[in-house]
């Protein structure tokens, strides 16, 4: 079973600390996704970046209707911090 996201906070530009329901905190570097398309490029604007929120049910993070990442993406492309 994939753990759900229960909290997110900004560590610094393009870096998020994401807490999961399994008790682990992972650090996710969003700079790895800014080149996916023009929508993800918006993450480089800190005012946009800081609008991050947890999707309903804890299954991902979103910034708007076009920019989001799944919990699976974060689990597979992040570093465990605790």
PDB file of N, CA and C in Angstrom:
ATOM      1  N   UNK A   1       0.839  -1.176   0.000  1.00  0.00           N
ATOM      2  CA  UNK A   1       0.000   0.000   0.000  1.00  0.00           C
ATOM      3  C   UNK A   1       0.894   1.253   0.000  1.00  0.00           C
ATOM      4  N   UNK A   2       0.574   2.187  -0.838  1.00  0.00           N
ATOM      5  CA  UNK A   2       1.355   3.417  -0.946  1.00  0.00           C
ATOM      6  C   UNK A   2       0.899   4.384   0.144  1.00  0.00           C
ATOM      7  N   UNK A   3       1.854   4.904   0.946  1.00  0.00           N
ATOM      8  CA  UNK A   3       1.461   5.850   1.996  1.00  0.00           C
ATOM      9  C   UNK A   3       0.941   7.157   1.396  1.00  0.00           C
ATOM     10  N   UNK A   4       0.099   7.837   2.155  1.00  0.00           N
ATOM     11  CA  UNK A   4      -0.475   9.094   1.716  1.00  0.00           C
ATOM     12  C   UNK A   4       0.333  10.270   2.246  1.00  0.00           C
ATOM     13  N   UNK A   5       0.253  11.374   1.533  1.00  0.00           N
ATOM     14  CA  UNK A   5       0.899  12.610   1.971  1.00  0.00           C
ATOM     15  C   UNK A   5       0.029  13.233   3.050  1.00  0.00           C
ATOM     16  N   UNK A   6       0.661  13.597   4.171  1.00  0.00           N
ATOM     17  CA  UNK A   6      -0.100  14.217   5.252  1.00  0.00           C
ATOM     18  C   UNK A   6       0.325  15.658   5.525  1.00  0.00           C
ATOM     19  N   UNK A   7       1.492  16.054   5.023  1.00  0.00           N
ATOM     20  CA  UNK A   7       1.956  17.428   5.219  1.00  0.00           C
ATOM     21  C   UNK A   7       3.021  17.757   4.176  1.00  0.00           C
ATOM     22  N   UNK A   8       3.100  19.030   3.833  1.00  0.00           N
ATOM     23  CA  UNK A   8       4.141  19.502   2.919  1.00  0.00           C
ATOM     24  C   UNK A   8       4.590  20.867   3.386  1.00  0.00           C
ATOM     25  N   UNK A   9       5.898  21.098   3.305  1.00  0.00           N
ATOM     26  CA  UNK A   9       6.417  22.432   3.605  1.00  0.00           C
ATOM     27  C   UNK A   9       7.587  22.719   2.678  1.00  0.00           C
ATOM     28  N   UNK A  10       7.789  23.988   2.438  1.00  0.00           N
ATOM     29  CA  UNK A  10       8.883  24.427   1.564  1.00  0.00           C
ATOM     30  C   UNK A  10      10.153  24.496   2.394  1.00  0.00           C
ATOM     31  N   UNK A  11      11.210  23.871   1.893  1.00  0.00           N
ATOM     32  CA  UNK A  11      12.515  23.897   2.549  1.00  0.00           C
ATOM     33  C   UNK A  11      13.317  25.080   2.026  1.00  0.00           C
ATOM     34  N   UNK A  12      13.331  25.220   0.705  1.00  0.00           N
ATOM     35  CA  UNK A  12      13.983  26.335   0.009  1.00  0.00           C
ATOM     36  C   UNK A  12      13.496  26.296  -1.439  1.00  0.00           C
ATOM     37  N   UNK A  13      13.989  27.180  -2.270  1.00  0.00           N
ATOM     38  CA  UNK A  13      13.538  27.219  -3.667  1.00  0.00           C
ATOM     39  C   UNK A  13      13.537  25.828  -4.294  1.00  0.00           C
ATOM     40  N   UNK A  14      12.375  25.423  -4.766  1.00  0.00           N
ATOM     41  CA  UNK A  14      12.150  24.166  -5.487  1.00  0.00           C
ATOM     42  C   UNK A  14      12.350  22.893  -4.663  1.00  0.00           C
ATOM     43  N   UNK A  15      12.543  23.010  -3.362  1.00  0.00           N
ATOM     44  CA  UNK A  15      12.715  21.837  -2.500  1.00  0.00           C
ATOM     45  C   UNK A  15      11.563  21.774  -1.503  1.00  0.00           C
ATOM     46  N   UNK A  16      10.919  20.603  -1.453  1.00  0.00           N
ATOM     47  CA  UNK A  16       9.818  20.384  -0.518  1.00  0.00           C
ATOM     48  C   UNK A  16      10.154  19.275   0.463  1.00  0.00           C
ATOM     49  N   UNK A  17       9.704  19.425   1.695  1.00  0.00           N
ATOM     50  CA  UNK A  17       9.727  18.343   2.678  1.00  0.00           C
ATOM     51  C   UNK A  17       8.308  17.792   2.720  1.00  0.00           C
ATOM     52  N   UNK A  18       8.177  16.509   2.433  1.00  0.00           N
ATOM     53  CA  UNK A  18       6.858  15.881   2.321  1.00  0.00           C
ATOM     54  C   UNK A  18       6.756  14.786   3.375  1.00  0.00           C
ATOM     55  N   UNK A  19       5.784  14.927   4.276  1.00  0.00           N
ATOM     56  CA  UNK A  19       5.536  13.935   5.316  1.00  0.00           C
ATOM     57  C   UNK A  19       4.494  12.941   4.817  1.00  0.00           C
ATOM     58  N   UNK A  20       4.790  11.651   5.032  1.00  0.00           N
ATOM     59  CA  UNK A  20       3.892  10.584   4.608  1.00  0.00           C
ATOM     60  C   UNK A  20       3.286   9.874   5.804  1.00  0.00           C
ATOM     61  N   UNK A  21       2.191   9.186   5.544  1.00  0.00           N
ATOM     62  CA  UNK A  21       1.460   8.486   6.601  1.00  0.00           C
ATOM     63  C   UNK A  21       2.245   7.317   7.200  1.00  0.00           C
ATOM     64  N   UNK A  22       3.351   6.918   6.575  1.00  0.00           N
ATOM     65  CA  UNK A  22       4.183   5.854   7.130  1.00  0.00           C
ATOM     66  C   UNK A  22       5.200   6.400   8.135  1.00  0.00           C
ATOM     67  N   UNK A  23       5.114   7.702   8.433  1.00  0.00           N
ATOM     68  CA  UNK A  23       5.998   8.325   9.413  1.00  0.00           C
ATOM     69  C   UNK A  23       7.293   8.857   8.837  1.00  0.00           C
ATOM     70  N   UNK A  24       7.516   8.683   7.548  1.00  0.00           N
ATOM     71  CA  UNK A  24       8.751   9.148   6.922  1.00  0.00           C
ATOM     72  C   UNK A  24       8.558  10.516   6.287  1.00  0.00           C
ATOM     73  N   UNK A  25       9.624  11.310   6.338  1.00  0.00           N
ATOM     74  CA  UNK A  25       9.662  12.596   5.651  1.00  0.00           C
ATOM     75  C   UNK A  25      10.645  12.474   4.511  1.00  0.00           C
ATOM     76  N   UNK A  26      10.226  12.926   3.344  1.00  0.00           N
ATOM     77  CA  UNK A  26      11.068  12.864   2.155  1.00  0.00           C
ATOM     78  C   UNK A  26      11.285  14.264   1.616  1.00  0.00           C
ATOM     79  N   UNK A  27      12.483  14.493   1.101  1.00  0.00           N
ATOM     80  CA  UNK A  27      12.794  15.776   0.478  1.00  0.00           C
ATOM     81  C   UNK A  27      12.731  15.602  -1.033  1.00  0.00           C
ATOM     82  N   UNK A  28      11.853  16.393  -1.649  1.00  0.00           N
ATOM     83  CA  UNK A  28      11.610  16.274  -3.084  1.00  0.00           C
ATOM     84  C   UNK A  28      12.092  17.538  -3.787  1.00  0.00           C
ATOM     85  N   UNK A  29      12.941  17.354  -4.790  1.00  0.00           N
ATOM     86  CA  UNK A  29      13.514  18.462  -5.560  1.00  0.00           C
ATOM     87  C   UNK A  29      12.698  18.665  -6.836  1.00  0.00           C
ATOM     88  N   UNK A  30      11.916  19.729  -6.854  1.00  0.00           N
ATOM     89  CA  UNK A  30      11.053  20.012  -8.006  1.00  0.00           C
ATOM     90  C   UNK A  30      11.816  20.501  -9.228  1.00  0.00           C
ATOM     91  N   UNK A  31      13.097  20.828  -9.074  1.00  0.00           N
ATOM     92  CA  UNK A  31      13.859  21.266 -10.247  1.00  0.00           C
ATOM     93  C   UNK A  31      13.960  20.148 -11.282  1.00  0.00           C
ATOM     94  N   UNK A  32      13.766  18.913 -10.850  1.00  0.00           N
ATOM     95  CA  UNK A  32      13.816  17.773 -11.766  1.00  0.00           C
ATOM     96  C   UNK A  32      12.615  17.700 -12.697  1.00  0.00           C
ATOM     97  N   UNK A  33      11.558  18.458 -12.408  1.00  0.00           N
ATOM     98  CA  UNK A  33      10.350  18.382 -13.242  1.00  0.00           C
ATOM     99  C   UNK A  33      10.051  19.684 -13.978  1.00  0.00           C
ATOM    100  N   UNK A  34      10.824  20.721 -13.760  1.00  0.00           N
ATOM    101  CA  UNK A  34      10.520  22.013 -14.394  1.00  0.00           C
ATOM    102  C   UNK A  34      10.672  21.981 -15.906  1.00  0.00           C
ATOM    103  N   UNK A  35      11.388  21.000 -16.422  1.00  0.00           N
ATOM    104  CA  UNK A  35      11.569  20.917 -17.873  1.00  0.00           C
ATOM    105  C   UNK A  35      10.548  20.007 -18.558  1.00  0.00           C
ATOM    106  N   UNK A  36       9.576  19.488 -17.830  1.00  0.00           N
ATOM    107  CA  UNK A  36       8.575  18.589 -18.420  1.00  0.00           C
ATOM    108  C   UNK A  36       7.727  19.287 -19.469  1.00  0.00           C
ATOM    109  N   UNK A  37       7.293  20.483 -19.144  1.00  0.00           N
ATOM    110  CA  UNK A  37       6.533  21.293 -20.091  1.00  0.00           C
ATOM    111  C   UNK A  37       6.428  22.713 -19.548  1.00  0.00           C
ATOM    112  N   UNK A  38       5.820  23.572 -20.300  1.00  0.00           N
ATOM    113  CA  UNK A  38       5.741  24.996 -19.922  1.00  0.00           C
ATOM    114  C   UNK A  38       4.996  25.202 -18.612  1.00  0.00           C
ATOM    115  N   UNK A  39       4.014  24.371 -18.332  1.00  0.00           N
ATOM    116  CA  UNK A  39       3.280  24.511 -17.071  1.00  0.00           C
ATOM    117  C   UNK A  39       4.185  24.275 -15.867  1.00  0.00           C
ATOM    118  N   UNK A  40       5.018  23.248 -15.915  1.00  0.00           N
ATOM    119  CA  UNK A  40       5.917  22.952 -14.798  1.00  0.00           C
ATOM    120  C   UNK A  40       7.007  24.012 -14.640  1.00  0.00           C
ATOM    121  N   UNK A  41       7.320  24.706 -15.701  1.00  0.00           N
ATOM    122  CA  UNK A  41       8.302  25.800 -15.645  1.00  0.00           C
ATOM    123  C   UNK A  41       7.841  26.877 -14.657  1.00  0.00           C
ATOM    124  N   UNK A  42       6.515  26.994 -14.452  1.00  0.00           N
ATOM    125  CA  UNK A  42       5.968  27.983 -13.522  1.00  0.00           C
ATOM    126  C   UNK A  42       6.460  27.773 -12.093  1.00  0.00           C
ATOM    127  N   UNK A  43       6.932  26.569 -11.774  1.00  0.00           N
ATOM    128  CA  UNK A  43       7.433  26.288 -10.428  1.00  0.00           C
ATOM    129  C   UNK A  43       8.662  27.130 -10.090  1.00  0.00           C
ATOM    130  N   UNK A  44       9.351  27.612 -11.090  1.00  0.00           N
ATOM    131  CA  UNK A  44      10.539  28.437 -10.851  1.00  0.00           C
ATOM    132  C   UNK A  44      10.183  29.818 -10.306  1.00  0.00           C
ATOM    133  N   UNK A  45       8.922  30.183 -10.383  1.00  0.00           N
ATOM    134  CA  UNK A  45       8.437  31.430  -9.793  1.00  0.00           C
ATOM    135  C   UNK A  45       8.056  31.115  -8.346  1.00  0.00           C
ATOM    136  N   UNK A  46       8.799  31.675  -7.382  1.00  0.00           N
ATOM    137  CA  UNK A  46       8.591  31.316  -5.984  1.00  0.00           C
ATOM    138  C   UNK A  46       7.178  31.643  -5.503  1.00  0.00           C
ATOM    139  N   UNK A  47       6.590  32.727  -5.986  1.00  0.00           N
ATOM    140  CA  UNK A  47       5.219  33.056  -5.579  1.00  0.00           C
ATOM    141  C   UNK A  47       4.241  31.967  -6.004  1.00  0.00           C
ATOM    142  N   UNK A  48       4.465  31.374  -7.156  1.00  0.00           N
ATOM    143  CA  UNK A  48       3.643  30.246  -7.602  1.00  0.00           C
ATOM    144  C   UNK A  48       3.998  28.985  -6.808  1.00  0.00           C
ATOM    145  N   UNK A  49       5.294  28.741  -6.647  1.00  0.00           N
ATOM    146  CA  UNK A  49       5.773  27.537  -5.952  1.00  0.00           C
ATOM    147  C   UNK A  49       5.182  27.421  -4.547  1.00  0.00           C
ATOM    148  N   UNK A  50       5.089  28.534  -3.849  1.00  0.00           N
ATOM    149  CA  UNK A  50       4.630  28.476  -2.464  1.00  0.00           C
ATOM    150  C   UNK A  50       3.118  28.243  -2.330  1.00  0.00           C
ATOM    151  N   UNK A  51       2.396  28.132  -3.440  1.00  0.00           N
ATOM    152  CA  UNK A  51       0.969  27.824  -3.384  1.00  0.00           C
ATOM    153  C   UNK A  51       0.698  26.313  -3.339  1.00  0.00           C
ATOM    154  N   UNK A  52       1.734  25.512  -3.188  1.00  0.00           N
ATOM    155  CA  UNK A  52       1.591  24.054  -3.155  1.00  0.00           C
ATOM    156  C   UNK A  52       0.569  23.638  -2.096  1.00  0.00           C
ATOM    157  N   UNK A  53      -0.219  22.625  -2.433  1.00  0.00           N
ATOM    158  CA  UNK A  53      -1.167  22.071  -1.476  1.00  0.00           C
ATOM    159  C   UNK A  53      -1.323  20.574  -1.735  1.00  0.00           C
ATOM    160  N   UNK A  54      -1.823  19.890  -0.732  1.00  0.00           N
ATOM    161  CA  UNK A  54      -2.015  18.442  -0.810  1.00  0.00           C
ATOM    162  C   UNK A  54      -3.345  18.154  -1.495  1.00  0.00           C
ATOM    163  N   UNK A  55      -3.317  17.222  -2.446  1.00  0.00           N
ATOM    164  CA  UNK A  55      -4.542  16.796  -3.120  1.00  0.00           C
ATOM    165  C   UNK A  55      -5.446  16.049  -2.137  1.00  0.00           C
ATOM    166  N   UNK A  56      -6.720  16.029  -2.438  1.00  0.00           N
ATOM    167  CA  UNK A  56      -7.691  15.300  -1.624  1.00  0.00           C
ATOM    168  C   UNK A  56      -7.239  13.851  -1.461  1.00  0.00           C
ATOM    169  N   UNK A  57      -7.291  13.364  -0.254  1.00  0.00           N
ATOM    170  CA  UNK A  57      -6.907  11.984   0.020  1.00  0.00           C
ATOM    171  C   UNK A  57      -5.416  11.770   0.165  1.00  0.00           C
ATOM    172  N   UNK A  58      -4.604  12.829  -0.018  1.00  0.00           N
ATOM    173  CA  UNK A  58      -3.157  12.711   0.151  1.00  0.00           C
ATOM    174  C   UNK A  58      -2.457  11.961  -0.956  1.00  0.00           C
ATOM    175  N   UNK A  59      -3.038  11.983  -2.165  1.00  0.00           N
ATOM    176  CA  UNK A  59      -2.481  11.210  -3.276  1.00  0.00           C
ATOM    177  C   UNK A  59      -1.579  12.018  -4.198  1.00  0.00           C
ATOM    178  N   UNK A  60      -1.206  13.210  -3.787  1.00  0.00           N
ATOM    179  CA  UNK A  60      -0.308  14.021  -4.595  1.00  0.00           C
ATOM    180  C   UNK A  60      -0.267  15.450  -4.108  1.00  0.00           C
ATOM    181  N   UNK A  61       0.529  16.238  -4.814  1.00  0.00           N
ATOM    182  CA  UNK A  61       0.640  17.670  -4.541  1.00  0.00           C
ATOM    183  C   UNK A  61       0.230  18.423  -5.792  1.00  0.00           C
ATOM    184  N   UNK A  62      -0.415  19.561  -5.593  1.00  0.00           N
ATOM    185  CA  UNK A  62      -0.844  20.380  -6.726  1.00  0.00           C
ATOM    186  C   UNK A  62      -0.518  21.838  -6.484  1.00  0.00           C
ATOM    187  N   UNK A  63      -0.377  22.528  -7.595  1.00  0.00           N
ATOM    188  CA  UNK A  63      -0.226  23.981  -7.570  1.00  0.00           C
ATOM    189  C   UNK A  63      -1.409  24.620  -8.282  1.00  0.00           C
ATOM    190  N   UNK A  64      -1.833  24.026  -9.363  1.00  0.00           N
ATOM    191  CA  UNK A  64      -3.030  24.466 -10.092  1.00  0.00           C
ATOM    192  C   UNK A  64      -3.560  23.266 -10.880  1.00  0.00           C
ATOM    193  N   UNK A  65      -4.490  23.483 -11.779  1.00  0.00           N
ATOM    194  CA  UNK A  65      -5.087  22.380 -12.536  1.00  0.00           C
ATOM    195  C   UNK A  65      -4.125  21.699 -13.500  1.00  0.00           C
ATOM    196  N   UNK A  66      -2.990  22.328 -13.773  1.00  0.00           N
ATOM    197  CA  UNK A  66      -2.047  21.816 -14.766  1.00  0.00           C
ATOM    198  C   UNK A  66      -0.715  21.350 -14.190  1.00  0.00           C
ATOM    199  N   UNK A  67      -0.446  21.697 -12.945  1.00  0.00           N
ATOM    200  CA  UNK A  67       0.835  21.360 -12.325  1.00  0.00           C
ATOM    201  C   UNK A  67       0.565  20.556 -11.061  1.00  0.00           C
ATOM    202  N   UNK A  68       0.914  19.275 -11.126  1.00  0.00           N
ATOM    203  CA  UNK A  68       0.770  18.409  -9.960  1.00  0.00           C
ATOM    204  C   UNK A  68       1.740  17.244 -10.055  1.00  0.00           C
ATOM    205  N   UNK A  69       1.999  16.627  -8.923  1.00  0.00           N
ATOM    206  CA  UNK A  69       2.847  15.432  -8.865  1.00  0.00           C
ATOM    207  C   UNK A  69       2.168  14.425  -7.942  1.00  0.00           C
ATOM    208  N   UNK A  70       2.293  13.180  -8.291  1.00  0.00           N
ATOM    209  CA  UNK A  70       1.665  12.114  -7.499  1.00  0.00           C
ATOM    210  C   UNK A  70       2.546  11.723  -6.317  1.00  0.00           C
ATOM    211  N   UNK A  71       1.941  11.066  -5.353  1.00  0.00           N
ATOM    212  CA  UNK A  71       2.703  10.541  -4.223  1.00  0.00           C
ATOM    213  C   UNK A  71       3.709   9.509  -4.714  1.00  0.00           C
ATOM    214  N   UNK A  72       3.367   8.769  -5.753  1.00  0.00           N
ATOM    215  CA  UNK A  72       4.266   7.771  -6.331  1.00  0.00           C
ATOM    216  C   UNK A  72       5.533   8.439  -6.881  1.00  0.00           C
ATOM    217  N   UNK A  73       5.365   9.551  -7.599  1.00  0.00           N
ATOM    218  CA  UNK A  73       6.505  10.323  -8.127  1.00  0.00           C
ATOM    219  C   UNK A  73       7.408  10.772  -6.986  1.00  0.00           C
ATOM    220  N   UNK A  74       6.828  11.285  -5.942  1.00  0.00           N
ATOM    221  CA  UNK A  74       7.626  11.779  -4.810  1.00  0.00           C
ATOM    222  C   UNK A  74       8.338  10.627  -4.115  1.00  0.00           C
ATOM    223  N   UNK A  75       7.650   9.528  -3.878  1.00  0.00           N
ATOM    224  CA  UNK A  75       8.263   8.375  -3.219  1.00  0.00           C
ATOM    225  C   UNK A  75       9.459   7.836  -4.006  1.00  0.00           C
ATOM    226  N   UNK A  76       9.360   7.825  -5.317  1.00  0.00           N
ATOM    227  CA  UNK A  76      10.407   7.240  -6.150  1.00  0.00           C
ATOM    228  C   UNK A  76      11.525   8.197  -6.531  1.00  0.00           C
ATOM    229  N   UNK A  77      11.329   9.482  -6.327  1.00  0.00           N
ATOM    230  CA  UNK A  77      12.327  10.461  -6.764  1.00  0.00           C
ATOM    231  C   UNK A  77      12.642  11.478  -5.682  1.00  0.00           C
ATOM    232  N   UNK A  78      12.827  10.980  -4.468  1.00  0.00           N
ATOM    233  CA  UNK A  78      13.129  11.848  -3.338  1.00  0.00           C
ATOM    234  C   UNK A  78      14.097  11.139  -2.396  1.00  0.00           C
ATOM    235  N   UNK A  79      14.562  11.902  -1.415  1.00  0.00           N
ATOM    236  CA  UNK A  79      15.462  11.350  -0.411  1.00  0.00           C
ATOM    237  C   UNK A  79      14.741  11.302   0.924  1.00  0.00           C
ATOM    238  N   UNK A  80      14.898  10.194   1.655  1.00  0.00           N
ATOM    239  CA  UNK A  80      14.323  10.094   2.989  1.00  0.00           C
ATOM    240  C   UNK A  80      15.136  10.961   3.931  1.00  0.00           C
ATOM    241  N   UNK A  81      14.442  11.800   4.698  1.00  0.00           N
ATOM    242  CA  UNK A  81      15.113  12.680   5.658  1.00  0.00           C
ATOM    243  C   UNK A  81      14.881  12.241   7.090  1.00  0.00           C
ATOM    244  N   UNK A  82      13.814  11.526   7.328  1.00  0.00           N
ATOM    245  CA  UNK A  82      13.575  10.990   8.689  1.00  0.00           C
ATOM    246  C   UNK A  82      12.572   9.857   8.638  1.00  0.00           C
TER     247      UNK A  82
END
